[in-house]
Protein backbone atom coordinates (compact mmCIF):
# COMPACT_ATOMS: atom_id res chain seq x y z
CA MET A 1 -1.69 11.09 13.05
CA ILE A 2 1.58 12.36 12.08
CA THR A 3 0.95 15.86 13.85
CA TRP A 4 -0.09 12.78 16.84
CA TRP A 5 3.68 11.53 16.79
CA VAL A 6 5.15 15.32 16.51
CA VAL A 7 3.54 15.73 19.37
CA LEU A 8 4.32 12.54 21.33
CA PHE A 9 8.56 11.95 20.02
CA THR A 10 8.33 16.21 21.72
CA ILE A 11 7.16 15.79 24.78
CA GLY A 12 9.31 12.32 25.43
CA VAL A 13 12.77 14.49 24.09
CA LEU A 14 11.87 17.61 26.09
CA PHE A 15 11.46 14.91 29.61
CA PHE A 16 15.14 13.67 27.97
CA VAL A 17 16.68 16.40 28.47
CA ASP A 18 15.51 18.21 31.09
CA THR A 19 16.78 14.55 32.80
CA PHE A 20 20.43 15.97 31.97
CA PHE A 21 19.55 19.71 33.57
CA GLY A 22 16.67 19.01 35.91
CA VAL A 23 15.85 17.17 39.03
CA GLY A 24 17.33 13.40 36.78
CA ASP A 25 14.61 11.37 39.18
CA MET A 26 14.29 7.25 38.32
CA PHE A 27 10.71 8.34 36.95
CA ARG A 28 11.03 11.20 34.55
CA GLN A 29 14.11 8.90 32.89
CA PHE A 30 11.15 6.31 32.55
CA ILE A 31 8.08 7.98 31.25
CA SER A 32 11.08 9.81 28.70
CA ALA A 33 11.95 6.46 27.34
CA VAL A 34 8.39 5.57 27.16
CA PHE A 35 7.26 8.43 25.28
CA ILE A 36 10.06 8.53 23.03
CA LEU A 37 9.11 3.85 21.71
CA ALA A 38 5.86 5.10 21.93
CA SER A 39 6.29 8.10 19.36
CA LEU A 40 8.81 5.59 17.23
CA GLY A 41 5.84 2.61 17.90
CA LEU A 42 3.57 5.30 16.15
CA LEU A 43 6.05 6.01 13.25
CA ALA A 44 6.36 2.81 12.14
CA ARG A 45 2.21 2.15 12.03
CA ILE A 46 2.29 6.02 10.12
CA ALA A 47 4.49 4.19 7.51
CA ARG A 48 2.85 0.03 7.17
CA LYS A 49 -0.40 1.92 7.33
CA THR A 50 0.74 5.00 4.47
CA ARG A 51 2.21 1.79 2.12
CA SER A 52 -0.51 -0.26 2.35
CA GLY A 53 -3.24 2.90 1.34
CA GLU A 54 -1.01 2.82 -1.61
CA LYS A 55 -1.08 -1.02 -3.06
CA GLU A 56 -5.07 -0.55 -2.11
CA MET A 57 -4.88 2.85 -4.32
CA LEU A 58 -3.05 0.08 -6.93
CA ILE A 59 -4.83 -2.84 -6.95
CA GLU A 60 -8.10 -0.38 -7.21
CA ARG A 61 -6.44 0.99 -10.77
CA ILE A 62 -6.04 -2.32 -12.01
CA ALA A 63 -8.56 -2.93 -11.69
CA GLN A 64 -11.12 0.22 -12.55
CA LEU A 65 -7.93 -0.45 -15.67
CA GLU A 66 -9.27 -3.89 -16.49
CA ARG A 67 -13.24 -2.68 -16.75
CA GLU A 68 -12.04 -0.62 -19.02
CA LEU A 69 -10.47 -2.99 -21.78
CA SER A 70 -13.30 -5.33 -21.47
CA GLU A 71 -15.45 -2.52 -21.70
CA ALA A 72 -13.76 -0.99 -25.09
CA GLY A 73 -12.98 -4.97 -26.22
CA ARG A 74 -16.80 -5.37 -26.38
CA SER A 75 -17.58 -2.06 -28.13
CA ALA A 76 -14.73 -2.59 -30.65
CA VAL A 77 -16.00 -6.65 -31.97
CA ARG A 78 -17.96 -6.42 -34.80
CA PRO A 79 -20.18 -8.59 -35.64
CA THR A 80 -18.68 -10.77 -38.39
CA THR A 81 -20.46 -12.59 -41.53
CA SER A 82 -19.42 -16.28 -42.30
CA PRO A 83 -18.91 -16.91 -45.91
CA SER A 84 -22.22 -19.38 -46.43
CA ALA A 85 -23.96 -16.17 -45.31
CA VAL A 86 -23.37 -14.02 -47.88
CA ASP A 87 -25.92 -13.53 -50.42
CA LYS A 88 -24.46 -14.75 -53.48
CA SER A 89 -27.22 -13.36 -56.50
CA PRO A 90 -25.62 -11.80 -59.09
CA VAL A 91 -25.99 -8.31 -58.77
CA ALA A 92 -28.14 -6.51 -61.04
CA PHE A 93 -27.23 -2.77 -61.92
């Protein structure tokens, strides 16, 4: 997508420069403005999608760490015996 932005922006700038050094047709000025605005809009969309992709990766990583933490917590829990369940018979040596 960045490649398309570079292509559009370059074409827009070339059209804009051509209006000063070329024939300077009104239609050419309009097209150059459209290309520049389209490329800037595309760049804004790329930036927004990149940020949302980073957020999605962070949310997924948090969920993974929570799963690992809950699994570690379950494996660390050992069954305990209550004092009433302990055998109080004398030990023979």
